[in-house]
Protein backbone atom coordinates (compact mmCIF):
# COMPACT_ATOMS: atom_id res chain seq x y z
CA MET A 1 6.07 -31.26 11.93
CA SER A 2 6.05 -28.49 14.50
CA GLU A 3 4.35 -28.80 17.87
CA ILE A 4 1.32 -26.87 16.58
CA GLY A 5 0.96 -29.51 13.89
CA THR A 6 0.12 -32.10 16.54
CA TRP A 7 -3.10 -30.29 17.52
CA PHE A 8 -4.03 -27.89 14.67
CA ASN A 9 -5.12 -29.45 11.38
CA VAL A 10 -6.32 -27.76 8.21
CA ARG A 11 -7.69 -29.59 5.20
CA PHE A 12 -9.54 -28.54 2.07
CA ASP A 13 -11.47 -29.86 -0.87
CA ASP A 14 -13.26 -28.35 -3.87
CA TRP A 15 -15.92 -26.82 -1.58
CA GLY A 16 -13.73 -25.19 1.05
CA VAL A 17 -11.49 -25.40 4.10
CA THR A 18 -11.96 -27.13 7.45
CA ARG A 19 -9.99 -26.41 10.61
CA ASN A 20 -9.88 -29.14 13.28
CA VAL A 21 -8.22 -27.87 16.45
CA SER A 22 -7.52 -29.69 19.74
CA PRO A 23 -5.21 -27.42 21.77
CA PRO A 24 -3.41 -29.01 24.71
CA GLY A 25 -5.43 -28.26 27.83
CA GLY A 26 -8.11 -26.46 25.81
CA LYS A 27 -11.46 -27.20 24.26
CA SER A 28 -11.45 -28.84 20.80
CA TRP A 29 -13.38 -27.29 17.91
CA VAL A 30 -14.03 -27.66 14.21
CA ASP A 31 -15.14 -25.01 11.74
CA ALA A 32 -15.17 -24.47 7.99
CA PHE A 33 -15.56 -21.90 5.25
CA ALA A 34 -16.32 -22.12 1.54
CA TRP A 35 -13.80 -21.00 -1.08
CA ALA A 36 -16.65 -19.09 -2.75
CA ASP A 37 -17.07 -16.94 0.39
CA VAL A 38 -13.43 -15.76 0.60
CA VAL A 39 -13.16 -12.00 0.06
CA ARG A 40 -9.64 -11.26 1.29
CA VAL A 41 -6.54 -13.09 2.50
CA CYS A 42 -3.82 -11.57 4.67
CA PHE A 43 -0.40 -12.96 5.55
CA ARG A 44 1.51 -12.10 8.73
CA SER A 45 5.12 -13.11 9.02
CA GLY A 46 5.85 -14.26 12.56
CA GLN A 47 8.36 -12.80 14.94
CA PHE A 48 11.26 -14.98 16.10
CA LEU A 49 9.93 -18.46 17.01
CA GLU A 50 6.35 -17.52 16.05
CA PRO A 51 4.67 -19.17 13.07
CA ASP A 52 3.69 -17.20 10.00
CA GLU A 53 -0.10 -16.99 9.67
CA TYR A 54 -2.76 -16.60 7.01
CA TYR A 55 -5.94 -14.70 7.89
CA VAL A 56 -8.86 -15.56 5.63
CA PHE A 57 -11.78 -13.13 5.57
CA THR A 58 -15.11 -14.33 4.25
CA ALA A 59 -18.46 -12.78 3.39
CA THR A 60 -20.12 -14.89 6.11
CA ARG A 61 -18.54 -13.47 9.29
CA ALA A 62 -16.61 -10.43 10.52
CA GLU A 63 -13.79 -12.39 12.14
CA SER A 64 -11.06 -13.96 10.06
CA PHE A 65 -10.16 -17.63 9.98
CA VAL A 66 -6.50 -17.98 11.05
CA ILE A 67 -4.31 -20.68 9.55
CA PRO A 68 -0.90 -20.88 11.26
CA MET A 69 1.94 -22.23 9.20
CA GLY A 70 3.17 -25.30 11.00
CA ALA A 71 -0.34 -26.66 11.33
CA THR A 72 -0.81 -30.01 9.64
CA GLY A 73 -1.88 -29.27 6.06
CA SER A 74 -0.86 -25.59 6.17
CA SER A 75 1.72 -25.83 3.37
CA GLU A 76 -0.81 -27.48 1.08
CA PHE A 77 -3.36 -24.82 2.07
CA ALA A 78 -0.89 -22.05 1.14
CA ASP A 79 -0.22 -23.71 -2.23
CA GLU A 80 -3.97 -23.89 -2.84
CA ILE A 81 -4.63 -20.21 -2.10
CA TYR A 82 -1.84 -19.31 -4.54
CA ARG A 83 -3.26 -21.70 -7.14
CA ARG A 84 -6.75 -20.22 -6.73
CA GLY A 85 -5.42 -16.67 -7.10
CA LEU A 86 -6.57 -15.70 -3.59
CA PHE A 87 -3.09 -14.52 -2.58
CA PRO A 88 0.01 -13.99 -4.75
CA ALA A 89 2.90 -16.27 -3.80
CA ASP A 90 5.40 -13.50 -4.52
CA LYS A 91 3.70 -11.28 -1.90
CA ALA A 92 4.04 -14.04 0.71
CA ILE A 93 7.71 -14.56 -0.14
CA GLU A 94 8.30 -10.81 0.07
CA ALA A 95 6.57 -10.64 3.48
CA MET A 96 8.56 -13.61 4.81
CA MET A 97 11.74 -11.59 4.43
CA THR A 98 10.81 -9.29 7.35
CA GLU A 99 9.45 -10.32 10.75
CA GLY A 100 6.03 -8.98 11.67
CA THR A 101 5.02 -7.92 8.16
CA PHE A 102 1.27 -7.91 7.43
CA VAL A 103 0.19 -8.05 3.77
CA CYS A 104 -3.35 -8.42 2.39
CA TRP A 105 -4.79 -9.37 -0.98
CA PRO A 106 -6.55 -7.71 -2.50
CA PRO A 107 -4.98 -4.69 -0.86
CA ALA A 108 -7.32 -2.08 0.59
CA ASP A 109 -6.89 1.52 -0.49
CA ASP A 110 -5.59 2.42 2.97
CA ASP A 111 -3.10 -0.48 3.37
CA SER A 112 0.37 0.80 4.05
CA VAL A 113 1.89 -2.55 3.04
CA THR A 114 0.75 -4.10 -0.22
């Protein structure tokens, strides 16, 4: 487990996803979103020593929900978004091959990377 996994936890059930975060020296918080509200998922491959991240956009707020890989439960979360068809696993694998790649699903008409 990476260091981030000691303070950032993500879990999910049939309803949705919950993030429970207690950053060292920072304020703890918990939030959640429903699977039914997800409208778009983006994947950003990290630069050297940075975690890859998923950005989940929902119909309920303008800001995305970020799920860093390395968080406790993040691998299972990634498997679940692939299983639910919210993001294609092959697109994530493709993006992981290059640092700093940002890929979204479904792609917008103006996305340069799809």
